[in-house]
Amino acid sequence: MSNQSAPPHTPAPETTTELVLLHGWGMNSAIWNGVPEPTWNDLTQHRIDLPGHGDSPFPTGRDSLWGWAEACLDAAPERAVWVGWSLGGLIALAAALHAPKRVAGLVLLTATPRFTQATDWTPAMPEATLAQFHDSLLADPSGTLNRFLALQTRGSDSARETLRTLKHELAARPEPKPAALALGLDLLREEDLRPQLPDIRCPTLWLFGQHDTLVPARVAERIERLMPEARVETIAGAAHAPHISHPHETARAIRTFLDAL
């Protein structure tokens, strides 16, 4: 009879049927309308507008990345897989760091832990580009937002159709508040979550667009080094909005990841 003790029991990971969807800067939750419904299958969707966007209020005292993450956590179920596009991906990362037990998995769609260039982070936007958007925001909010939308679709195989869809979905909800737009640009320009990525333990999928000019596909190589256990894929022919320009390819990648959970 062996004296060896039995190996400790490892509990199975908790599963969830809840899904949080976060849009990008200047947009609203209507942008998920074009994603093929079978992508989410039997999951319950929670389409959350970022603070000051769409139907969401712009609360005082939460003017930081962590404040926005807390506001989204307040509107989210107790435990869910979080899907974040662009700025929404940055917020989803912050939520996973702030409340890891509430985030069962992450799908980061054309997102990055740092949106602006640095000496050790060249595949990103020049800081001057975001500074120009910030400076023009007060004088012409609508025009600034339209220019940013055009930048998101540049290089896509279906740039015109994608831009038309983005504008249509943007018009489906109330316009974002100028103060929320300004703060969102600050977050894009200033935040850097690279040092904290190894602290994220939940299953993670990063999806990039081959022709993305805002978050270059070369970020994928950096993510593979920072999060070696994450799944990283690039959507061929897509720019910054692959869920709109290449819905079926994007849906297939997300569905495969969700099924594995």
C-alpha atoms as a PDB file:
ATOM      1  CA  MET A   1       0.000   0.000   0.000  1.00  0.00           C
ATOM      2  CA  SER A   2       1.500   3.327  -1.046  1.00  0.00           C
ATOM      3  CA  ASN A   3       2.170   6.008   1.526  1.00  0.00           C
ATOM      4  CA  GLN A   4       2.035   8.729  -1.100  1.00  0.00           C
ATOM      5  CA  SER A   5      -0.734  11.198  -0.545  1.00  0.00           C
ATOM      6  CA  ALA A   6      -3.200  11.888  -3.319  1.00  0.00           C
ATOM      7  CA  PRO A   7      -2.453  14.944  -5.454  1.00  0.00           C
ATOM      8  CA  PRO A   8      -4.379  18.034  -4.405  1.00  0.00           C
ATOM      9  CA  HIS A   9      -7.669  18.513  -6.166  1.00  0.00           C
ATOM     10  CA  THR A  10      -7.646  21.341  -8.692  1.00  0.00           C
ATOM     11  CA  PRO A  11     -11.116  22.811  -9.086  1.00  0.00           C
ATOM     12  CA  ALA A  12     -12.408  23.223 -12.609  1.00  0.00           C
ATOM     13  CA  PRO A  13     -12.441  26.808 -13.848  1.00  0.00           C
ATOM     14  CA  GLU A  14     -15.718  28.597 -13.396  1.00  0.00           C
ATOM     15  CA  THR A  15     -17.697  28.994 -16.595  1.00  0.00           C
ATOM     16  CA  THR A  16     -20.060  31.814 -17.486  1.00  0.00           C
ATOM     17  CA  THR A  17     -22.720  32.509 -20.080  1.00  0.00           C
ATOM     18  CA  GLU A  18     -22.426  36.284 -19.654  1.00  0.00           C
ATOM     19  CA  LEU A  19     -20.662  38.517 -22.163  1.00  0.00           C
ATOM     20  CA  VAL A  20     -19.672  42.181 -21.780  1.00  0.00           C
ATOM     21  CA  LEU A  21     -19.164  44.199 -24.987  1.00  0.00           C
ATOM     22  CA  LEU A  22     -17.260  47.522 -24.887  1.00  0.00           C
ATOM     23  CA  HIS A  23     -17.019  49.828 -27.910  1.00  0.00           C
ATOM     24  CA  GLY A  24     -14.234  52.218 -28.890  1.00  0.00           C
ATOM     25  CA  TRP A  25     -13.593  55.956 -28.552  1.00  0.00           C
ATOM     26  CA  GLY A  26     -16.404  58.214 -29.747  1.00  0.00           C
ATOM     27  CA  MET A  27     -18.683  55.292 -30.610  1.00  0.00           C
ATOM     28  CA  ASN A  28     -21.490  53.505 -28.779  1.00  0.00           C
ATOM     29  CA  SER A  29     -22.795  49.990 -28.237  1.00  0.00           C
ATOM     30  CA  ALA A  30     -24.703  49.984 -31.537  1.00  0.00           C
ATOM     31  CA  ILE A  31     -21.443  49.079 -33.316  1.00  0.00           C
ATOM     32  CA  TRP A  32     -21.995  45.451 -32.277  1.00  0.00           C
ATOM     33  CA  ASN A  33     -25.180  45.210 -34.374  1.00  0.00           C
ATOM     34  CA  GLY A  34     -23.244  44.042 -37.426  1.00  0.00           C
ATOM     35  CA  VAL A  35     -21.519  41.125 -35.743  1.00  0.00           C
ATOM     36  CA  PRO A  36     -23.157  37.846 -36.844  1.00  0.00           C
ATOM     37  CA  GLU A  37     -25.437  36.724 -34.044  1.00  0.00           C
ATOM     38  CA  PRO A  38     -24.093  33.122 -33.976  1.00  0.00           C
ATOM     39  CA  THR A  39     -20.811  34.628 -32.726  1.00  0.00           C
ATOM     40  CA  TRP A  40     -22.324  34.926 -29.280  1.00  0.00           C
ATOM     41  CA  ASN A  41     -24.438  31.773 -29.606  1.00  0.00           C
ATOM     42  CA  ASP A  42     -26.059  31.067 -26.230  1.00  0.00           C
ATOM     43  CA  LEU A  43     -24.267  33.850 -24.334  1.00  0.00           C
ATOM     44  CA  THR A  44     -26.167  36.725 -22.724  1.00  0.00           C
ATOM     45  CA  GLN A  45     -24.874  40.032 -24.102  1.00  0.00           C
ATOM     46  CA  HIS A  46     -24.332  43.138 -21.990  1.00  0.00           C
ATOM     47  CA  ARG A  47     -23.578  45.971 -24.408  1.00  0.00           C
ATOM     48  CA  ILE A  48     -22.195  48.716 -22.205  1.00  0.00           C
ATOM     49  CA  ASP A  49     -21.697  52.299 -23.361  1.00  0.00           C
ATOM     50  CA  LEU A  50     -18.467  53.824 -22.065  1.00  0.00           C
ATOM     51  CA  PRO A  51     -18.939  56.790 -19.694  1.00  0.00           C
ATOM     52  CA  GLY A  52     -20.282  59.810 -21.546  1.00  0.00           C
ATOM     53  CA  HIS A  53     -20.949  57.784 -24.716  1.00  0.00           C
ATOM     54  CA  GLY A  54     -24.328  56.709 -26.069  1.00  0.00           C
ATOM     55  CA  ASP A  55     -26.843  56.371 -23.250  1.00  0.00           C
ATOM     56  CA  SER A  56     -24.243  56.232 -20.483  1.00  0.00           C
ATOM     57  CA  PRO A  57     -23.884  59.193 -18.087  1.00  0.00           C
ATOM     58  CA  PHE A  58     -20.526  60.861 -17.593  1.00  0.00           C
ATOM     59  CA  PRO A  59     -20.003  60.510 -13.814  1.00  0.00           C
ATOM     60  CA  THR A  60     -17.864  62.967 -11.890  1.00  0.00           C
ATOM     61  CA  GLY A  61     -14.910  61.678  -9.912  1.00  0.00           C
ATOM     62  CA  ARG A  62     -14.163  58.862 -12.344  1.00  0.00           C
ATOM     63  CA  ASP A  63     -11.902  60.733 -14.726  1.00  0.00           C
ATOM     64  CA  SER A  64      -9.265  58.023 -15.078  1.00  0.00           C
ATOM     65  CA  LEU A  65      -8.776  54.651 -16.734  1.00  0.00           C
ATOM     66  CA  TRP A  66      -9.561  52.876 -13.470  1.00  0.00           C
ATOM     67  CA  GLY A  67     -12.607  55.088 -12.906  1.00  0.00           C
ATOM     68  CA  TRP A  68     -13.982  54.136 -16.320  1.00  0.00           C
ATOM     69  CA  ALA A  69     -13.249  50.475 -15.628  1.00  0.00           C
ATOM     70  CA  GLU A  70     -15.163  50.725 -12.341  1.00  0.00           C
ATOM     71  CA  ALA A  71     -18.107  52.387 -14.105  1.00  0.00           C
ATOM     72  CA  CYS A  72     -18.242  49.504 -16.591  1.00  0.00           C
ATOM     73  CA  LEU A  73     -17.898  46.957 -13.791  1.00  0.00           C
ATOM     74  CA  ASP A  74     -20.885  48.591 -12.070  1.00  0.00           C
ATOM     75  CA  ALA A  75     -22.956  47.940 -15.201  1.00  0.00           C
ATOM     76  CA  ALA A  76     -21.588  44.427 -15.798  1.00  0.00           C
ATOM     77  CA  PRO A  77     -22.706  41.063 -14.429  1.00  0.00           C
ATOM     78  CA  GLU A  78     -20.804  39.499 -11.545  1.00  0.00           C
ATOM     79  CA  ARG A  79     -18.717  37.339 -13.862  1.00  0.00           C
ATOM     80  CA  ALA A  80     -18.402  37.499 -17.648  1.00  0.00           C
ATOM     81  CA  VAL A  81     -16.145  37.271 -20.665  1.00  0.00           C
ATOM     82  CA  TRP A  82     -15.239  40.821 -21.708  1.00  0.00           C
ATOM     83  CA  VAL A  83     -14.909  41.858 -25.358  1.00  0.00           C
ATOM     84  CA  GLY A  84     -13.301  45.257 -25.913  1.00  0.00           C
ATOM     85  CA  TRP A  85     -12.690  47.108 -29.179  1.00  0.00           C
ATOM     86  CA  SER A  86      -9.854  49.673 -29.298  1.00  0.00           C
ATOM     87  CA  LEU A  87     -10.290  51.962 -26.253  1.00  0.00           C
ATOM     88  CA  GLY A  88     -12.851  49.451 -24.984  1.00  0.00           C
ATOM     89  CA  GLY A  89     -10.053  46.867 -24.976  1.00  0.00           C
ATOM     90  CA  LEU A  90      -7.950  49.103 -22.764  1.00  0.00           C
ATOM     91  CA  ILE A  91     -10.893  49.438 -20.366  1.00  0.00           C
ATOM     92  CA  ALA A  92     -11.408  45.654 -20.417  1.00  0.00           C
ATOM     93  CA  LEU A  93      -7.738  45.117 -19.526  1.00  0.00           C
ATOM     94  CA  ALA A  94      -8.107  47.544 -16.625  1.00  0.00           C
ATOM     95  CA  ALA A  95     -11.229  45.713 -15.430  1.00  0.00           C
ATOM     96  CA  ALA A  96      -9.379  42.383 -15.512  1.00  0.00           C
ATOM     97  CA  LEU A  97      -6.551  43.874 -13.451  1.00  0.00           C
ATOM     98  CA  HIS A  98      -8.881  45.674 -11.042  1.00  0.00           C
ATOM     99  CA  ALA A  99     -11.364  42.807 -10.505  1.00  0.00           C
ATOM    100  CA  PRO A 100      -9.796  39.578 -11.828  1.00  0.00           C
ATOM    101  CA  LYS A 101     -12.456  37.295 -10.314  1.00  0.00           C
ATOM    102  CA  ARG A 102     -15.131  39.040 -12.365  1.00  0.00           C
ATOM    103  CA  VAL A 103     -13.432  38.616 -15.756  1.00  0.00           C
ATOM    104  CA  ALA A 104     -13.573  35.021 -17.021  1.00  0.00           C
ATOM    105  CA  GLY A 105     -11.854  35.790 -20.309  1.00  0.00           C
ATOM    106  CA  LEU A 106     -10.809  38.655 -22.587  1.00  0.00           C
ATOM    107  CA  VAL A 107     -11.266  39.275 -26.298  1.00  0.00           C
ATOM    108  CA  LEU A 108      -9.235  42.341 -27.270  1.00  0.00           C
ATOM    109  CA  LEU A 109     -10.184  43.592 -30.717  1.00  0.00           C
ATOM    110  CA  THR A 110      -7.577  45.871 -32.353  1.00  0.00           C
ATOM    111  CA  ALA A 111      -6.556  46.959 -28.866  1.00  0.00           C
ATOM    112  CA  THR A 112      -3.132  47.553 -27.376  1.00  0.00           C
ATOM    113  CA  PRO A 113      -1.697  48.129 -23.901  1.00  0.00           C
ATOM    114  CA  ARG A 114      -0.137  51.358 -25.218  1.00  0.00           C
ATOM    115  CA  PHE A 115      -1.610  53.378 -28.082  1.00  0.00           C
ATOM    116  CA  THR A 116       1.217  55.897 -28.580  1.00  0.00           C
ATOM    117  CA  GLN A 117       4.785  55.419 -29.713  1.00  0.00           C
ATOM    118  CA  ALA A 118       7.756  55.187 -27.359  1.00  0.00           C
ATOM    119  CA  THR A 119      11.427  54.384 -27.895  1.00  0.00           C
ATOM    120  CA  ASP A 120      10.686  50.769 -26.952  1.00  0.00           C
ATOM    121  CA  TRP A 121       7.219  50.672 -28.558  1.00  0.00           C
ATOM    122  CA  THR A 122       7.366  51.816 -32.170  1.00  0.00           C
ATOM    123  CA  PRO A 123       4.298  50.030 -33.646  1.00  0.00           C
ATOM    124  CA  ALA A 124       1.821  52.669 -32.456  1.00  0.00           C
ATOM    125  CA  MET A 125       0.418  56.102 -33.257  1.00  0.00           C
ATOM    126  CA  PRO A 126       2.697  59.147 -32.953  1.00  0.00           C
ATOM    127  CA  GLU A 127       1.674  61.074 -29.837  1.00  0.00           C
ATOM    128  CA  ALA A 128       1.375  64.199 -32.010  1.00  0.00           C
ATOM    129  CA  THR A 129      -1.516  62.596 -33.931  1.00  0.00           C
ATOM    130  CA  LEU A 130      -3.636  62.245 -30.808  1.00  0.00           C
ATOM    131  CA  ALA A 131      -2.551  65.694 -29.639  1.00  0.00           C
ATOM    132  CA  GLN A 132      -3.889  67.169 -32.886  1.00  0.00           C
ATOM    133  CA  PHE A 133      -7.212  65.420 -32.414  1.00  0.00           C
ATOM    134  CA  HIS A 134      -7.355  66.731 -28.860  1.00  0.00           C
ATOM    135  CA  ASP A 135      -6.613  70.324 -29.955  1.00  0.00           C
ATOM    136  CA  SER A 136      -9.274  70.273 -32.681  1.00  0.00           C
ATOM    137  CA  LEU A 137     -11.912  68.617 -30.505  1.00  0.00           C
ATOM    138  CA  LEU A 138     -13.120  71.809 -28.823  1.00  0.00           C
ATOM    139  CA  ALA A 139     -13.351  73.741 -32.075  1.00  0.00           C
ATOM    140  CA  ASP A 140     -15.026  71.027 -34.146  1.00  0.00           C
ATOM    141  CA  PRO A 141     -16.162  67.921 -32.212  1.00  0.00           C
ATOM    142  CA  SER A 142     -18.174  66.464 -35.105  1.00  0.00           C
ATOM    143  CA  GLY A 143     -15.451  67.008 -37.678  1.00  0.00           C
ATOM    144  CA  THR A 144     -12.799  65.598 -35.352  1.00  0.00           C
ATOM    145  CA  LEU A 145     -14.836  62.456 -34.773  1.00  0.00           C
ATOM    146  CA  ASN A 146     -15.407  62.007 -38.514  1.00  0.00           C
ATOM    147  CA  ARG A 147     -11.671  62.296 -39.202  1.00  0.00           C
ATOM    148  CA  PHE A 148     -10.973  59.693 -36.542  1.00  0.00           C
ATOM    149  CA  LEU A 149     -13.544  57.355 -38.087  1.00  0.00           C
ATOM    150  CA  ALA A 150     -11.883  57.745 -41.481  1.00  0.00           C
ATOM    151  CA  LEU A 151      -8.515  56.930 -39.929  1.00  0.00           C
ATOM    152  CA  GLN A 152      -9.965  53.729 -38.464  1.00  0.00           C
ATOM    153  CA  THR A 153     -11.082  52.426 -41.851  1.00  0.00           C
ATOM    154  CA  ARG A 154      -8.024  53.457 -43.896  1.00  0.00           C
ATOM    155  CA  GLY A 155      -6.398  50.472 -45.583  1.00  0.00           C
ATOM    156  CA  SER A 156      -9.359  48.127 -45.175  1.00  0.00           C
ATOM    157  CA  ASP A 157     -10.497  46.035 -48.134  1.00  0.00           C
ATOM    158  CA  SER A 158     -13.938  47.631 -47.721  1.00  0.00           C
ATOM    159  CA  ALA A 159     -13.061  51.069 -46.325  1.00  0.00           C
ATOM    160  CA  ARG A 160     -16.062  52.983 -47.750  1.00  0.00           C
ATOM    161  CA  GLU A 161     -18.642  50.470 -46.604  1.00  0.00           C
ATOM    162  CA  THR A 162     -17.038  50.215 -43.167  1.00  0.00           C
ATOM    163  CA  LEU A 163     -16.955  53.995 -42.744  1.00  0.00           C
ATOM    164  CA  ARG A 164     -20.607  54.226 -43.799  1.00  0.00           C
ATOM    165  CA  THR A 165     -21.549  51.578 -41.220  1.00  0.00           C
ATOM    166  CA  LEU A 166     -19.591  53.269 -38.436  1.00  0.00           C
ATOM    167  CA  LYS A 167     -21.328  56.592 -39.126  1.00  0.00           C
ATOM    168  CA  HIS A 168     -24.717  54.897 -39.244  1.00  0.00           C
ATOM    169  CA  GLU A 169     -24.205  53.139 -35.908  1.00  0.00           C
ATOM    170  CA  LEU A 170     -22.824  56.315 -34.333  1.00  0.00           C
ATOM    171  CA  ALA A 171     -26.016  58.148 -35.278  1.00  0.00           C
ATOM    172  CA  ALA A 172     -28.157  55.457 -33.649  1.00  0.00           C
ATOM    173  CA  ARG A 173     -27.501  56.774 -30.142  1.00  0.00           C
ATOM    174  CA  PRO A 174     -26.990  60.190 -28.496  1.00  0.00           C
ATOM    175  CA  GLU A 175     -23.761  61.966 -29.420  1.00  0.00           C
ATOM    176  CA  PRO A 176     -20.853  61.437 -27.015  1.00  0.00           C
ATOM    177  CA  LYS A 177     -20.233  64.233 -24.559  1.00  0.00           C
ATOM    178  CA  PRO A 178     -17.254  66.457 -25.489  1.00  0.00           C
ATOM    179  CA  ALA A 179     -15.728  66.056 -22.019  1.00  0.00           C
ATOM    180  CA  ALA A 180     -15.873  62.258 -22.389  1.00  0.00           C
ATOM    181  CA  LEU A 181     -14.250  62.485 -25.825  1.00  0.00           C
ATOM    182  CA  ALA A 182     -11.443  64.650 -24.425  1.00  0.00           C
ATOM    183  CA  LEU A 183     -10.813  62.297 -21.517  1.00  0.00           C
ATOM    184  CA  GLY A 184     -10.923  59.284 -23.825  1.00  0.00           C
ATOM    185  CA  LEU A 185      -8.189  60.844 -25.974  1.00  0.00           C
ATOM    186  CA  ASP A 186      -6.159  61.451 -22.825  1.00  0.00           C
ATOM    187  CA  LEU A 187      -6.440  57.761 -21.936  1.00  0.00           C
ATOM    188  CA  LEU A 188      -5.366  56.729 -25.437  1.00  0.00           C
ATOM    189  CA  ARG A 189      -2.411  59.104 -25.302  1.00  0.00           C
ATOM    190  CA  GLU A 190      -1.172  58.511 -21.756  1.00  0.00           C
ATOM    191  CA  GLU A 191      -2.001  55.001 -20.551  1.00  0.00           C
ATOM    192  CA  ASP A 192       0.533  52.167 -20.657  1.00  0.00           C
ATOM    193  CA  LEU A 193      -0.498  48.772 -19.264  1.00  0.00           C
ATOM    194  CA  ARG A 194       2.440  46.802 -20.676  1.00  0.00           C
ATOM    195  CA  PRO A 195       4.081  46.170 -17.272  1.00  0.00           C
ATOM    196  CA  GLN A 196       0.826  44.722 -15.895  1.00  0.00           C
ATOM    197  CA  LEU A 197      -0.026  42.339 -18.726  1.00  0.00           C
ATOM    198  CA  PRO A 198       1.741  39.366 -17.071  1.00  0.00           C
ATOM    199  CA  ASP A 199      -0.617  39.810 -14.093  1.00  0.00           C
ATOM    200  CA  ILE A 200      -3.637  38.905 -16.240  1.00  0.00           C
ATOM    201  CA  ARG A 201      -4.335  35.189 -15.775  1.00  0.00           C
ATOM    202  CA  CYS A 202      -7.628  34.668 -17.580  1.00  0.00           C
ATOM    203  CA  PRO A 203      -7.738  33.214 -21.124  1.00  0.00           C
ATOM    204  CA  THR A 204      -7.122  36.020 -23.606  1.00  0.00           C
ATOM    205  CA  LEU A 205      -7.563  36.485 -27.349  1.00  0.00           C
ATOM    206  CA  TRP A 206      -5.955  39.413 -29.192  1.00  0.00           C
ATOM    207  CA  LEU A 207      -7.287  40.160 -32.690  1.00  0.00           C
ATOM    208  CA  PHE A 208      -5.501  42.601 -35.003  1.00  0.00           C
ATOM    209  CA  GLY A 209      -6.246  43.996 -38.455  1.00  0.00           C
ATOM    210  CA  GLN A 210      -3.620  43.458 -41.136  1.00  0.00           C
ATOM    211  CA  HIS A 211      -3.873  47.051 -42.439  1.00  0.00           C
ATOM    212  CA  ASP A 212      -4.678  48.837 -39.167  1.00  0.00           C
ATOM    213  CA  THR A 213      -3.034  52.284 -39.010  1.00  0.00           C
ATOM    214  CA  LEU A 214      -4.046  53.013 -35.396  1.00  0.00           C
ATOM    215  CA  VAL A 215      -2.923  49.714 -33.843  1.00  0.00           C
ATOM    216  CA  PRO A 216      -0.461  48.192 -36.326  1.00  0.00           C
ATOM    217  CA  ALA A 217      -0.543  44.419 -36.723  1.00  0.00           C
ATOM    218  CA  ARG A 218       3.114  44.359 -35.617  1.00  0.00           C
ATOM    219  CA  VAL A 219       1.831  44.808 -32.055  1.00  0.00           C
ATOM    220  CA  ALA A 220       0.989  41.102 -32.231  1.00  0.00           C
ATOM    221  CA  GLU A 221       4.686  40.200 -31.985  1.00  0.00           C
ATOM    222  CA  ARG A 222       5.059  42.289 -28.836  1.00  0.00           C
ATOM    223  CA  ILE A 223       1.951  40.778 -27.244  1.00  0.00           C
ATOM    224  CA  GLU A 224       3.263  37.261 -27.873  1.00  0.00           C
ATOM    225  CA  ARG A 225       6.317  38.143 -25.801  1.00  0.00           C
ATOM    226  CA  LEU A 226       4.428  39.950 -23.044  1.00  0.00           C
ATOM    227  CA  MET A 227       1.640  37.342 -22.778  1.00  0.00           C
ATOM    228  CA  PRO A 228       3.030  34.073 -24.173  1.00  0.00           C
ATOM    229  CA  GLU A 229      -0.061  32.091 -23.132  1.00  0.00           C
ATOM    230  CA  ALA A 230      -2.476  34.415 -24.950  1.00  0.00           C
ATOM    231  CA  ARG A 231      -3.985  33.606 -28.305  1.00  0.00           C
ATOM    232  CA  VAL A 232      -3.012  36.146 -30.980  1.00  0.00           C
ATOM    233  CA  GLU A 233      -4.490  36.356 -34.497  1.00  0.00           C
ATOM    234  CA  THR A 234      -4.494  38.845 -37.396  1.00  0.00           C
ATOM    235  CA  ILE A 235      -7.510  39.331 -39.686  1.00  0.00           C
ATOM    236  CA  ALA A 236      -6.256  39.522 -43.289  1.00  0.00           C
ATOM    237  CA  GLY A 237      -7.385  42.580 -45.239  1.00  0.00           C
ATOM    238  CA  ALA A 238      -8.898  44.314 -42.199  1.00  0.00           C
ATOM    239  CA  ALA A 239      -8.072  47.686 -40.672  1.00  0.00           C
ATOM    240  CA  HIS A 240      -9.155  48.963 -37.242  1.00  0.00           C
ATOM    241  CA  ALA A 241     -12.755  47.689 -37.350  1.00  0.00           C
ATOM    242  CA  PRO A 242     -12.540  44.029 -38.454  1.00  0.00           C
ATOM    243  CA  HIS A 243     -15.844  43.167 -36.765  1.00  0.00           C
ATOM    244  CA  ILE A 244     -17.519  45.478 -39.296  1.00  0.00           C
ATOM    245  CA  SER A 245     -15.331  45.092 -42.403  1.00  0.00           C
ATOM    246  CA  HIS A 246     -14.697  41.336 -41.983  1.00  0.00           C
ATOM    247  CA  PRO A 247     -17.521  40.163 -39.704  1.00  0.00           C
ATOM    248  CA  HIS A 248     -17.412  36.471 -40.578  1.00  0.00           C
ATOM    249  CA  GLU A 249     -13.636  36.079 -40.206  1.00  0.00           C
ATOM    250  CA  THR A 250     -13.744  37.985 -36.917  1.00  0.00           C
ATOM    251  CA  ALA A 251     -16.759  35.998 -35.714  1.00  0.00           C
ATOM    252  CA  ARG A 252     -15.025  32.718 -36.519  1.00  0.00           C
ATOM    253  CA  ALA A 253     -11.955  33.656 -34.456  1.00  0.00           C
ATOM    254  CA  ILE A 254     -14.040  34.850 -31.499  1.00  0.00           C
ATOM    255  CA  ARG A 255     -16.366  31.836 -31.612  1.00  0.00           C
ATOM    256  CA  THR A 256     -13.446  29.400 -31.637  1.00  0.00           C
ATOM    257  CA  PHE A 257     -12.017  31.138 -28.568  1.00  0.00           C
ATOM    258  CA  LEU A 258     -15.351  31.209 -26.732  1.00  0.00           C
ATOM    259  CA  ASP A 259     -15.994  27.535 -27.485  1.00  0.00           C
ATOM    260  CA  ALA A 260     -12.619  26.654 -25.976  1.00  0.00           C
ATOM    261  CA  LEU A 261     -13.664  28.383 -22.760  1.00  0.00           C
END
